[in-house]
Amino acid sequence: MARRKLRLGLLTGGGDGPGLNAVIRAVVKKGIREHGAEFVGILDGFEGLIQRRWKRLDFDSVSGILHSAGTILGTTNKGDPFSYGKRGDVSDRVVRHLRELRLDALICLGGDGTMKIADRLASRWPNIVGIPKTIDNDVVGTDVTFGFDTAVKVAADAVQVLHATADAHRRVMVVEVMGRTAGWIALHAGIAGGADVILIPEIQGSMGRVAEYIGSRHRTRRFTILVVAEGAAPEGIDRTALHPGIIGTTVADRIEEAGFEARVTILGHLQRSAPPTPADRVLATRFGVAAVDLAVGRKFRRMVALRGGTITSVPFARVAGRVKRVPPDHELVRAARAVGTSFGDEGAPA
């Protein structure tokens, strides 16, 4: 009797991010070339498993997508099978659909929320492998996630080009970047783009000290550039009264109240929508290949990871429900301070 073909499922959960299609391509091409596998693409994340939406993936369907942003499978933040709207826990239905699909393994691409769902679902149907995806770089257990490098490039380029108009008009320019709970994008983009002030959730700055810094700087300079993570909460701003995505505007308002002309640029989803950088395409390909190896080796309930330049894997239990934040004494924070960058928690520069 002929042996049944390996059958793998694949879904992308949470927000989209540059490199998702590169991972899908790597998973499917490796699985077919080396194992003769069949693939089922689950549409729109875990919601597709709930609503029975999927399609067959083959070599041709994943060709030519390496460079493209988004995901050919679609994604959503609304498909938690353990808390699905008014219906509540529909995980029994998801497990039933997984068995109906006769999958040998399910590969889930996503951030900390997706890994948390995958870990919980694996207690009911264990054949699950994870691949970390988030532009915020806040997934525990891996040094970096694909999508992060692209987001940093978009943000750093914006910070860099704003120097010209800031100088021309003697203004303070505020650039808001993503990062609700972790300030990795703001930190990297601020350093790379030459920002004068970086405000991140992990360091409690003060708008009074930011104004002091700007006043001292403008004695000899024509402009100041601020990079603000969307989750930053500097003293002097009631963060609980703000809606997501407007911290940059509020920071600019406070700067104007202190007597400086300010403008704000909110990058928002531009950081998600750019084609993946070469670094993200390479990392995504490595992750995709490693995920197939885990599935074939039946090493389930694990997430592929990059540690010290080497591809490895970590148990879901070490990842689920946790966020990797910027340590206030991180080497990059120290480096930024050393070249005169303010984090809003110190006095005017000497």
Protein backbone atom coordinates (compact mmCIF):
# COMPACT_ATOMS: atom_id res chain seq x y z
CA MET A 1 0.00 0.00 0.00
CA ALA A 2 1.35 3.44 -0.96
CA ARG A 3 2.25 5.67 1.93
CA ARG A 4 -0.02 8.68 2.39
CA LYS A 5 1.56 12.00 1.47
CA LEU A 6 2.64 14.36 4.20
CA ARG A 7 -0.12 16.93 4.59
CA LEU A 8 0.62 20.32 6.17
CA GLY A 9 -1.57 23.31 6.96
CA LEU A 10 -0.39 26.91 7.01
CA LEU A 11 -1.97 30.08 8.40
CA THR A 12 -0.97 33.70 9.02
CA GLY A 13 -2.44 35.33 12.13
CA GLY A 14 -2.57 38.80 13.68
CA GLY A 15 -1.44 41.88 11.80
CA ASP A 16 0.25 41.54 8.44
CA GLY A 17 3.97 42.12 8.13
CA PRO A 18 6.66 42.20 5.44
CA GLY A 19 8.02 38.71 4.82
CA LEU A 20 4.89 36.62 5.35
CA ASN A 21 4.74 35.66 1.69
CA ALA A 22 8.45 34.83 1.72
CA VAL A 23 7.81 32.36 4.56
CA ILE A 24 4.82 30.81 2.80
CA ARG A 25 6.95 30.36 -0.32
CA ALA A 26 9.79 28.73 1.62
CA VAL A 27 7.51 26.35 3.54
CA VAL A 28 5.63 25.15 0.49
CA LYS A 29 8.61 24.85 -1.84
CA LYS A 30 10.73 22.95 0.67
CA GLY A 31 7.83 20.70 1.66
CA ILE A 32 7.07 19.78 -1.94
CA ARG A 33 10.66 19.48 -3.18
CA GLU A 34 12.05 17.42 -0.30
CA HIS A 35 9.01 15.57 1.04
CA GLY A 36 6.38 15.55 -1.69
CA ALA A 37 4.04 17.21 0.78
CA GLU A 38 0.53 18.51 0.17
CA PHE A 39 -0.39 21.92 1.55
CA VAL A 40 -3.61 23.50 2.76
CA GLY A 41 -3.58 27.28 3.17
CA ILE A 42 -5.99 28.44 5.89
CA LEU A 43 -7.55 31.76 4.88
CA ASP A 44 -7.69 34.73 7.26
CA GLY A 45 -5.88 33.19 10.20
CA PHE A 46 -7.63 31.16 12.86
CA GLU A 47 -10.95 32.56 11.66
CA GLY A 48 -10.54 30.45 8.53
CA LEU A 49 -10.35 27.34 10.70
CA ILE A 50 -13.50 28.40 12.50
CA GLN A 51 -15.44 29.13 9.30
CA ARG A 52 -13.99 26.34 7.12
CA ARG A 53 -12.16 28.63 4.68
CA TRP A 54 -9.05 27.16 3.09
CA LYS A 55 -7.45 26.38 -0.24
CA ARG A 56 -4.82 24.13 -1.74
CA LEU A 57 -1.29 25.52 -2.08
CA ASP A 58 1.12 24.20 -4.68
CA PHE A 59 4.45 25.16 -6.21
CA ASP A 60 2.95 27.54 -8.75
CA SER A 61 0.71 29.33 -6.24
CA VAL A 62 3.70 30.43 -4.17
CA SER A 63 6.03 31.34 -7.04
CA GLY A 64 6.77 35.03 -7.53
CA ILE A 65 5.68 36.16 -4.05
CA LEU A 66 9.10 36.43 -2.37
CA HIS A 67 9.29 40.22 -2.74
CA SER A 68 5.66 41.11 -1.99
CA ALA A 69 4.23 42.51 1.24
CA GLY A 70 1.00 41.31 2.83
CA THR A 71 -0.04 37.65 2.78
CA ILE A 72 -1.69 35.61 0.03
CA LEU A 73 -3.63 33.79 2.77
CA GLY A 74 -5.12 36.87 4.39
CA THR A 75 -5.07 37.52 8.13
CA THR A 76 -7.12 38.96 10.98
CA ASN A 77 -6.93 39.76 14.69
CA LYS A 78 -10.53 38.58 15.25
CA GLY A 79 -10.20 34.81 15.07
CA ASP A 80 -9.34 33.65 18.60
CA PRO A 81 -11.13 30.26 18.79
CA PHE A 82 -11.24 30.49 22.59
CA SER A 83 -12.99 33.87 22.56
CA TYR A 84 -14.80 34.27 19.26
CA GLY A 85 -17.19 37.18 19.59
CA LYS A 86 -20.59 36.33 21.06
CA ARG A 87 -20.03 32.63 20.43
CA GLY A 88 -17.23 32.40 22.97
CA ASP A 89 -15.17 29.22 22.96
CA VAL A 90 -15.39 27.47 19.58
CA SER A 91 -12.16 25.49 19.92
CA ASP A 92 -14.07 22.19 19.62
CA ARG A 93 -15.10 23.24 16.12
CA VAL A 94 -11.51 24.15 15.21
CA VAL A 95 -10.20 20.78 16.40
CA ARG A 96 -12.93 19.06 14.40
CA HIS A 97 -11.95 20.98 11.27
CA LEU A 98 -8.26 20.17 11.76
CA ARG A 99 -9.13 16.48 11.90
CA GLU A 100 -11.38 16.86 8.88
CA LEU A 101 -8.42 18.27 6.94
CA ARG A 102 -6.31 15.22 7.91
CA LEU A 103 -3.30 17.44 8.62
CA ASP A 104 -0.04 16.00 9.89
CA ALA A 105 0.88 19.44 11.24
CA LEU A 106 -0.26 23.06 11.27
CA ILE A 107 2.31 25.83 10.85
CA CYS A 108 1.23 29.15 12.38
CA LEU A 109 2.89 32.45 11.45
CA GLY A 110 2.29 35.29 13.87
CA GLY A 111 3.29 37.37 16.86
CA ASP A 112 2.83 36.86 20.58
CA GLY A 113 -0.97 36.70 20.27
CA THR A 114 -0.83 34.04 17.57
CA MET A 115 1.72 32.03 19.57
CA LYS A 116 -0.51 32.24 22.64
CA ILE A 117 -3.48 30.86 20.70
CA ALA A 118 -1.29 28.19 19.08
CA ASP A 119 0.00 27.09 22.49
CA ARG A 120 -3.50 26.84 23.91
CA LEU A 121 -4.84 25.01 20.86
CA ALA A 122 -1.90 22.59 21.01
CA SER A 123 -3.22 21.30 24.32
CA ARG A 124 -6.18 19.95 22.31
CA TRP A 125 -4.45 19.18 18.98
CA PRO A 126 -0.67 19.11 19.54
CA ASN A 127 0.76 18.97 16.00
CA ILE A 128 1.49 22.70 15.77
CA VAL A 129 4.67 24.59 14.85
CA GLY A 130 5.11 28.36 15.16
CA ILE A 131 7.03 30.97 13.16
CA PRO A 132 7.52 34.38 14.83
CA LYS A 133 6.24 37.37 12.87
CA THR A 134 5.92 40.94 14.09
CA ILE A 135 7.28 44.26 12.94
CA ASP A 136 7.55 45.24 16.63
CA ASN A 137 10.27 42.61 17.32
CA ASP A 138 8.64 41.88 20.68
CA VAL A 139 8.32 38.07 20.50
CA VAL A 140 10.19 36.36 23.32
CA GLY A 141 12.65 33.57 22.49
CA THR A 142 14.08 34.93 19.23
CA ASP A 143 16.68 37.63 18.71
CA VAL A 144 14.70 39.14 15.86
CA THR A 145 11.48 38.60 13.92
CA PHE A 146 11.04 39.00 10.18
CA GLY A 147 9.26 42.23 9.27
CA PHE A 148 11.20 44.23 11.85
CA ASP A 149 14.05 45.21 9.53
CA THR A 150 11.60 46.50 6.92
CA ALA A 151 9.63 48.52 9.48
CA VAL A 152 12.83 50.07 10.80
CA LYS A 153 13.95 51.02 7.29
CA VAL A 154 10.63 52.72 6.52
CA ALA A 155 10.74 54.64 9.80
CA ALA A 156 14.44 55.53 9.61
CA ASP A 157 14.05 56.80 6.03
CA ALA A 158 11.16 59.02 7.12
CA VAL A 159 13.13 60.43 10.03
CA GLN A 160 16.09 61.10 7.77
CA VAL A 161 14.18 62.98 5.06
CA LEU A 162 12.30 65.12 7.61
CA HIS A 163 15.55 66.76 8.65
CA ALA A 164 15.45 69.01 5.57
CA THR A 165 12.00 70.50 6.15
CA ALA A 166 12.61 70.75 9.90
CA ASP A 167 15.76 72.77 9.24
CA ALA A 168 14.10 74.93 6.58
CA HIS A 169 11.25 75.98 8.90
CA ARG A 170 13.05 75.91 12.27
CA ARG A 171 10.56 73.33 13.53
CA VAL A 172 10.32 70.41 15.87
CA MET A 173 9.27 67.34 13.87
CA VAL A 174 7.57 64.46 15.71
CA VAL A 175 7.50 61.05 14.02
CA GLU A 176 5.18 58.44 15.53
CA VAL A 177 6.07 54.80 14.87
CA MET A 178 4.45 51.54 15.89
CA GLY A 179 5.22 49.87 19.21
CA ARG A 180 2.38 49.68 21.73
CA THR A 181 4.28 47.79 24.42
CA ALA A 182 7.86 47.69 23.14
CA GLY A 183 10.00 50.44 21.69
CA TRP A 184 12.31 48.47 19.40
CA ILE A 185 11.24 50.22 16.18
CA ALA A 186 11.52 53.68 17.74
CA LEU A 187 14.93 52.87 19.21
CA HIS A 188 16.45 51.46 16.02
CA ALA A 189 14.82 53.98 13.66
CA GLY A 190 15.67 56.87 15.95
CA ILE A 191 19.34 55.94 16.04
CA ALA A 192 19.53 55.13 12.32
CA GLY A 193 17.63 58.26 11.29
CA GLY A 194 19.52 60.65 13.56
CA ALA A 195 16.67 61.58 15.91
CA ASP A 196 17.45 63.95 18.77
CA VAL A 197 14.78 62.55 21.13
CA ILE A 198 13.41 59.01 21.36
CA LEU A 199 10.37 58.26 23.52
CA ILE A 200 9.59 54.58 24.20
CA PRO A 201 7.24 52.74 26.60
CA GLU A 202 10.09 51.26 28.64
CA ILE A 203 11.65 54.57 29.71
CA GLN A 204 9.48 57.05 31.63
CA GLY A 205 10.25 60.39 30.04
CA SER A 206 8.83 63.79 30.92
CA MET A 207 7.43 66.39 28.55
CA GLY A 208 8.96 69.04 30.81
CA ARG A 209 12.40 67.59 30.29
CA VAL A 210 11.77 67.17 26.56
CA ALA A 211 10.92 70.88 26.37
CA GLU A 212 14.04 71.72 28.38
CA TYR A 213 16.13 69.65 25.98
CA ILE A 214 14.61 71.36 22.93
CA GLY A 215 15.15 74.82 24.42
CA SER A 216 18.81 74.11 25.13
CA ARG A 217 19.35 72.55 21.70
CA HIS A 218 17.74 75.47 19.84
CA ARG A 219 20.29 77.87 21.21
CA THR A 220 22.69 76.50 18.60
CA ARG A 221 20.47 74.39 16.28
CA ARG A 222 17.51 75.24 14.04
CA PHE A 223 15.42 72.13 14.59
CA THR A 224 14.79 69.00 16.67
CA ILE A 225 13.56 65.57 15.56
CA LEU A 226 11.56 63.33 17.92
CA VAL A 227 10.72 59.66 17.34
CA VAL A 228 7.81 58.50 19.50
CA ALA A 229 6.61 54.92 19.90
CA GLU A 230 2.80 54.74 19.85
CA GLY A 231 2.86 53.21 23.34
CA ALA A 232 5.14 55.82 24.92
CA ALA A 233 3.73 57.49 28.01
CA PRO A 234 5.88 60.49 28.96
CA GLU A 235 5.03 62.28 32.18
CA GLY A 236 2.76 65.22 31.45
CA ILE A 237 0.49 63.25 29.09
CA ASP A 238 -2.52 61.27 30.30
CA ARG A 239 -1.98 58.14 28.18
CA THR A 240 -5.23 56.55 29.39
CA ALA A 241 -7.20 59.32 27.67
CA LEU A 242 -5.64 58.69 24.27
CA HIS A 243 -6.79 56.46 21.46
CA PRO A 244 -4.17 54.29 19.72
CA GLY A 245 -2.21 56.15 17.07
CA ILE A 246 -2.42 59.73 18.37
CA ILE A 247 0.37 59.90 20.95
CA GLY A 248 2.51 61.70 18.35
CA THR A 249 -0.11 64.42 17.89
CA THR A 250 -0.41 64.89 21.65
CA VAL A 251 3.36 65.13 22.06
CA ALA A 252 3.48 67.78 19.30
CA ASP A 253 0.68 69.73 21.02
CA ARG A 254 2.60 69.76 24.31
CA ILE A 255 5.73 70.96 22.51
CA GLU A 256 3.78 73.84 20.95
CA GLU A 257 2.39 74.72 24.39
CA ALA A 258 6.02 75.01 25.51
CA GLY A 259 6.63 77.61 22.80
CA PHE A 260 8.10 75.65 19.89
CA GLU A 261 6.53 75.20 16.46
CA ALA A 262 5.92 71.48 15.94
CA ARG A 263 4.53 69.16 13.27
CA VAL A 264 3.73 65.46 13.46
CA THR A 265 4.06 62.60 10.97
CA ILE A 266 2.25 59.36 11.85
CA LEU A 267 3.69 56.50 9.80
CA GLY A 268 1.05 53.96 10.85
CA HIS A 269 0.51 51.08 8.44
CA LEU A 270 3.21 52.29 6.05
CA GLN A 271 5.55 50.31 8.31
CA ARG A 272 3.62 47.12 7.55
CA SER A 273 3.07 47.64 3.85
CA ALA A 274 6.53 48.01 2.33
CA PRO A 275 8.10 45.14 0.39
CA PRO A 276 10.37 43.13 2.70
CA THR A 277 14.02 44.11 2.78
CA PRO A 278 16.62 41.57 1.65
CA ALA A 279 17.39 40.83 5.31
CA ASP A 280 13.73 40.04 6.02
CA ARG A 281 13.44 37.86 2.90
CA VAL A 282 16.48 35.87 3.98
CA LEU A 283 15.28 35.45 7.57
CA ALA A 284 11.76 34.53 6.42
CA THR A 285 13.18 31.88 4.11
CA ARG A 286 15.34 30.43 6.88
CA PHE A 287 12.38 30.33 9.27
CA GLY A 288 10.14 28.66 6.69
CA VAL A 289 12.67 25.94 5.95
CA ALA A 290 13.24 25.31 9.67
CA ALA A 291 9.50 25.07 10.35
CA VAL A 292 9.12 22.26 7.82
CA ASP A 293 12.00 20.42 9.50
CA LEU A 294 10.22 20.69 12.85
CA ALA A 295 6.96 19.42 11.36
CA VAL A 296 8.61 16.49 9.57
CA GLY A 297 10.58 15.62 12.70
CA ARG A 298 7.35 15.80 14.75
CA LYS A 299 8.88 18.38 17.07
CA PHE A 300 5.60 20.05 17.86
CA ARG A 301 4.52 22.82 20.22
CA ARG A 302 7.69 24.71 19.31
CA MET A 303 8.47 28.01 17.57
CA VAL A 304 11.43 28.48 15.25
CA ALA A 305 13.81 31.19 16.44
CA LEU A 306 17.05 32.97 15.67
CA ARG A 307 19.51 32.86 18.56
CA GLY A 308 23.05 34.20 18.16
CA GLY A 309 22.85 33.98 14.37
CA THR A 310 21.73 30.33 14.42
CA ILE A 311 18.27 28.99 13.61
CA THR A 312 16.88 26.95 16.50
CA SER A 313 13.50 26.46 18.20
CA VAL A 314 11.91 27.16 21.58
CA PRO A 315 8.84 25.66 23.31
CA PHE A 316 5.57 27.58 23.04
CA ALA A 317 5.49 27.66 26.84
CA ARG A 318 8.50 30.00 26.84
CA VAL A 319 6.86 32.36 24.36
CA ALA A 320 3.09 32.44 24.87
CA GLY A 321 1.70 35.46 26.68
CA ARG A 322 5.08 37.17 27.06
CA VAL A 323 6.49 40.32 25.44
CA LYS A 324 10.14 41.15 24.77
CA ARG A 325 10.63 44.76 25.83
CA VAL A 326 13.62 47.09 25.59
CA PRO A 327 15.73 46.91 28.77
CA PRO A 328 16.28 50.52 29.94
CA ASP A 329 20.02 49.80 30.16
CA HIS A 330 20.19 48.09 26.76
CA GLU A 331 23.43 48.61 24.83
CA LEU A 332 21.58 50.55 22.10
CA VAL A 333 20.04 52.88 24.69
CA ARG A 334 23.50 53.52 26.13
CA ALA A 335 24.90 54.10 22.63
CA ALA A 336 22.16 56.61 21.83
CA ARG A 337 22.72 58.49 25.06
CA ALA A 338 26.46 58.54 24.37
CA VAL A 339 25.94 60.53 21.17
CA GLY A 340 23.56 62.99 22.84
CA THR A 341 20.14 61.48 22.14
CA SER A 342 17.56 62.24 24.83
CA PHE A 343 14.98 59.79 26.14
CA GLY A 344 13.12 62.53 27.95
CA ASP A 345 14.35 61.41 31.36
CA GLU A 346 17.36 63.67 31.77
CA GLY A 347 18.06 67.38 31.88
CA ALA A 348 19.30 69.63 29.11
CA PRO A 349 22.45 68.55 27.27
CA ALA A 350 25.72 69.97 28.45
